Each structure stands twice: as structure tokens, then as C-alpha cells.
């Protein structure tokens, strides 16, 4: 199991649900929606067509904001 330190950003994560299976993968930093579409299309070729559902989790940029007083 991989753990992330507080200064290491969490990668963008994607889970694609196909009929009878689920695949998850990390998107590289700077990936576009076109890159995501290509990856999902390639995954669909080995499964039963297009995914039934896609869940995405994006990392948020880290900030050093201080609360207002």
C-alpha cells in the first residue's frame, strides 16, 4: 500500500465501471480530457464496450493560506 507524504500531491484518480468489472488508474499531471477519452476507449476495447460509469477524483493544489482573524 502506498502512502503519500503531506508535501507530495495526490495523483488524479479515475475508476471506470464496465459490465462485470472495474478498473482504476492514475492520470498523469497535465492530462487532458482528450487523453482520458483515449485511455477509456482503449480500455473499452478489452471489455464489453464503453464504461457504464466513470468516477474521477482530482487533486487540489496545495496552498499556504492562513485563516482570517
N, C-alpha and C. Protein backbone atom coordinates (compact mmCIF):
# COMPACT_ATOMS: atom_id res chain seq x y z
N UNK A 1 0.85 -1.18 0.00
CA UNK A 1 0.00 0.00 0.00
C UNK A 1 0.89 1.24 0.00
N UNK A 2 0.58 2.17 -0.87
CA UNK A 2 1.38 3.39 -0.96
C UNK A 2 0.80 4.47 -0.06
N UNK A 3 1.65 5.17 0.62
CA UNK A 3 1.22 6.31 1.42
C UNK A 3 1.84 7.56 0.83
N UNK A 4 1.17 8.67 1.02
CA UNK A 4 1.63 9.94 0.47
C UNK A 4 2.01 10.86 1.61
N UNK A 5 3.15 11.51 1.46
CA UNK A 5 3.54 12.49 2.46
C UNK A 5 2.74 13.76 2.23
N UNK A 6 2.76 14.64 3.20
CA UNK A 6 1.96 15.86 3.10
C UNK A 6 2.44 16.80 2.00
N UNK A 7 3.70 16.69 1.59
CA UNK A 7 4.19 17.57 0.54
C UNK A 7 4.14 16.94 -0.85
N UNK A 8 3.68 15.69 -0.94
CA UNK A 8 3.55 15.01 -2.23
C UNK A 8 2.09 15.06 -2.66
N UNK A 9 1.78 15.65 -3.82
CA UNK A 9 0.38 15.75 -4.23
C UNK A 9 -0.21 14.39 -4.56
N UNK A 10 -1.48 14.21 -4.25
CA UNK A 10 -2.20 13.00 -4.59
C UNK A 10 -2.48 13.03 -6.09
N UNK A 11 -2.24 11.92 -6.79
CA UNK A 11 -2.50 11.93 -8.23
C UNK A 11 -3.99 11.99 -8.53
N UNK A 12 -4.32 12.41 -9.74
CA UNK A 12 -5.69 12.38 -10.21
C UNK A 12 -6.07 10.93 -10.46
N UNK A 13 -7.17 10.49 -9.87
CA UNK A 13 -7.56 9.09 -9.94
C UNK A 13 -8.84 8.93 -10.74
N UNK A 14 -8.92 7.84 -11.50
CA UNK A 14 -10.09 7.53 -12.31
C UNK A 14 -10.48 6.08 -12.06
N UNK A 15 -11.78 5.82 -11.93
CA UNK A 15 -12.29 4.46 -11.87
C UNK A 15 -13.37 4.33 -12.94
N UNK A 16 -13.23 3.32 -13.78
CA UNK A 16 -14.19 3.06 -14.84
C UNK A 16 -14.89 1.75 -14.54
N UNK A 17 -16.22 1.78 -14.52
CA UNK A 17 -17.02 0.59 -14.25
C UNK A 17 -17.56 0.04 -15.56
N UNK A 18 -17.16 -1.18 -15.88
CA UNK A 18 -17.65 -1.89 -17.05
C UNK A 18 -18.62 -2.96 -16.58
N UNK A 19 -19.35 -3.53 -17.49
CA UNK A 19 -20.26 -4.63 -17.13
C UNK A 19 -19.41 -5.79 -16.62
N UNK A 20 -19.50 -6.06 -15.33
CA UNK A 20 -18.78 -7.18 -14.74
C UNK A 20 -17.36 -6.90 -14.27
N UNK A 21 -16.85 -5.68 -14.41
CA UNK A 21 -15.51 -5.39 -13.93
C UNK A 21 -15.34 -3.90 -13.67
N UNK A 22 -14.31 -3.56 -12.93
CA UNK A 22 -13.97 -2.16 -12.65
C UNK A 22 -12.46 -2.02 -12.75
N UNK A 23 -12.03 -0.93 -13.35
CA UNK A 23 -10.60 -0.64 -13.48
C UNK A 23 -10.32 0.74 -12.92
N UNK A 24 -9.21 0.88 -12.22
CA UNK A 24 -8.83 2.20 -11.73
C UNK A 24 -7.39 2.48 -12.15
N UNK A 25 -7.12 3.76 -12.37
CA UNK A 25 -5.79 4.18 -12.79
C UNK A 25 -5.58 5.63 -12.41
N UNK A 26 -4.33 6.06 -12.40
CA UNK A 26 -3.97 7.44 -12.12
C UNK A 26 -3.77 8.17 -13.44
N UNK A 27 -4.24 9.40 -13.51
CA UNK A 27 -3.98 10.26 -14.66
C UNK A 27 -2.73 11.07 -14.38
N UNK A 28 -1.90 11.21 -15.37
CA UNK A 28 -0.68 11.99 -15.19
C UNK A 28 -1.01 13.48 -15.06
N UNK A 29 -0.13 14.19 -14.41
CA UNK A 29 -0.30 15.64 -14.26
C UNK A 29 -0.32 16.26 -15.65
N UNK A 30 -1.25 17.14 -15.90
CA UNK A 30 -1.35 17.81 -17.19
C UNK A 30 -2.15 17.05 -18.23
N UNK A 31 -2.71 15.89 -17.87
CA UNK A 31 -3.52 15.12 -18.82
C UNK A 31 -4.78 15.92 -19.16
N UNK A 32 -5.22 15.80 -20.39
CA UNK A 32 -6.42 16.49 -20.86
C UNK A 32 -7.61 15.52 -20.88
N UNK A 33 -8.81 16.08 -21.10
CA UNK A 33 -9.98 15.21 -21.24
C UNK A 33 -9.86 14.34 -22.49
N UNK A 34 -9.16 14.82 -23.51
CA UNK A 34 -8.91 14.01 -24.70
C UNK A 34 -8.03 12.81 -24.36
N UNK A 35 -7.02 13.01 -23.50
CA UNK A 35 -6.18 11.91 -23.03
C UNK A 35 -7.01 10.88 -22.27
N UNK A 36 -7.91 11.37 -21.41
CA UNK A 36 -8.78 10.49 -20.65
C UNK A 36 -9.69 9.70 -21.58
N UNK A 37 -10.27 10.38 -22.57
CA UNK A 37 -11.17 9.71 -23.52
C UNK A 37 -10.42 8.61 -24.29
N UNK A 38 -9.20 8.88 -24.72
CA UNK A 38 -8.40 7.88 -25.43
C UNK A 38 -8.13 6.67 -24.53
N UNK A 39 -7.78 6.94 -23.29
CA UNK A 39 -7.48 5.85 -22.36
C UNK A 39 -8.72 4.99 -22.11
N UNK A 40 -9.88 5.62 -21.92
CA UNK A 40 -11.11 4.88 -21.70
C UNK A 40 -11.51 4.10 -22.95
N UNK A 41 -11.29 4.68 -24.12
CA UNK A 41 -11.60 3.99 -25.37
C UNK A 41 -10.74 2.73 -25.51
N UNK A 42 -9.46 2.85 -25.20
CA UNK A 42 -8.56 1.70 -25.26
C UNK A 42 -8.97 0.62 -24.26
N UNK A 43 -9.37 1.03 -23.06
CA UNK A 43 -9.81 0.06 -22.06
C UNK A 43 -11.09 -0.64 -22.50
N UNK A 44 -11.98 0.10 -23.16
CA UNK A 44 -13.25 -0.46 -23.62
C UNK A 44 -13.08 -1.54 -24.66
N UNK A 45 -11.99 -1.49 -25.42
CA UNK A 45 -11.75 -2.50 -26.44
C UNK A 45 -11.53 -3.88 -25.82
N UNK A 46 -10.99 -3.93 -24.62
CA UNK A 46 -10.74 -5.20 -23.95
C UNK A 46 -11.88 -5.64 -23.05
N UNK A 47 -12.93 -4.87 -22.99
CA UNK A 47 -14.08 -5.20 -22.15
C UNK A 47 -15.34 -5.24 -23.01
N UNK A 48 -16.45 -5.11 -22.37
CA UNK A 48 -17.73 -5.21 -23.08
C UNK A 48 -18.21 -3.85 -23.56
N UNK A 49 -17.34 -3.09 -24.19
CA UNK A 49 -17.73 -1.78 -24.71
C UNK A 49 -17.41 -0.64 -23.77
N UNK A 50 -18.15 0.42 -23.93
CA UNK A 50 -17.91 1.64 -23.15
C UNK A 50 -18.21 1.42 -21.67
N UNK A 51 -17.57 2.21 -20.81
CA UNK A 51 -17.86 2.11 -19.37
C UNK A 51 -19.30 2.51 -19.07
N UNK A 52 -19.87 1.87 -18.05
CA UNK A 52 -21.22 2.22 -17.60
C UNK A 52 -21.17 3.44 -16.69
N UNK A 53 -20.06 3.64 -16.00
CA UNK A 53 -19.89 4.78 -15.10
C UNK A 53 -18.41 5.11 -15.00
N UNK A 54 -18.12 6.38 -14.78
CA UNK A 54 -16.75 6.85 -14.61
C UNK A 54 -16.72 7.76 -13.39
N UNK A 55 -15.84 7.45 -12.45
CA UNK A 55 -15.67 8.29 -11.27
C UNK A 55 -14.28 8.89 -11.31
N UNK A 56 -14.19 10.18 -11.06
CA UNK A 56 -12.90 10.87 -11.12
C UNK A 56 -12.66 11.63 -9.83
N UNK A 57 -11.41 11.60 -9.37
CA UNK A 57 -11.01 12.34 -8.17
C UNK A 57 -9.78 13.16 -8.55
N UNK A 58 -9.91 14.46 -8.47
CA UNK A 58 -8.81 15.35 -8.83
C UNK A 58 -8.12 15.87 -7.59
N UNK A 59 -6.82 16.00 -7.66
CA UNK A 59 -6.09 16.58 -6.54
C UNK A 59 -6.24 18.09 -6.59
N UNK A 60 -6.30 18.68 -5.43
CA UNK A 60 -6.42 20.14 -5.33
C UNK A 60 -5.02 20.72 -5.13
N UNK A 61 -4.77 21.88 -5.71
CA UNK A 61 -3.46 22.49 -5.49
C UNK A 61 -3.29 22.85 -4.03
N UNK A 62 -2.09 22.66 -3.53
CA UNK A 62 -1.82 22.98 -2.13
C UNK A 62 -1.60 24.49 -1.99
N UNK A 63 -2.13 25.05 -0.93
CA UNK A 63 -1.95 26.48 -0.67
C UNK A 63 -1.44 26.66 0.75
N UNK A 64 -0.90 27.81 1.00
CA UNK A 64 -0.43 28.16 2.34
C UNK A 64 -1.28 29.28 2.93
N UNK A 65 -2.58 29.23 2.66
CA UNK A 65 -3.48 30.27 3.16
C UNK A 65 -3.65 30.16 4.66
N UNK A 66 -3.70 31.29 5.31
CA UNK A 66 -3.94 31.37 6.74
C UNK A 66 -5.40 31.80 6.97
N UNK A 67 -6.06 31.26 7.98
CA UNK A 67 -7.43 31.67 8.25
C UNK A 67 -7.52 33.16 8.60
N UNK A 68 -8.62 33.79 8.20
CA UNK A 68 -8.83 35.22 8.50
C UNK A 68 -9.10 35.35 10.00
N UNK A 69 -8.64 36.45 10.57
CA UNK A 69 -8.87 36.69 12.00
C UNK A 69 -9.81 37.83 12.22
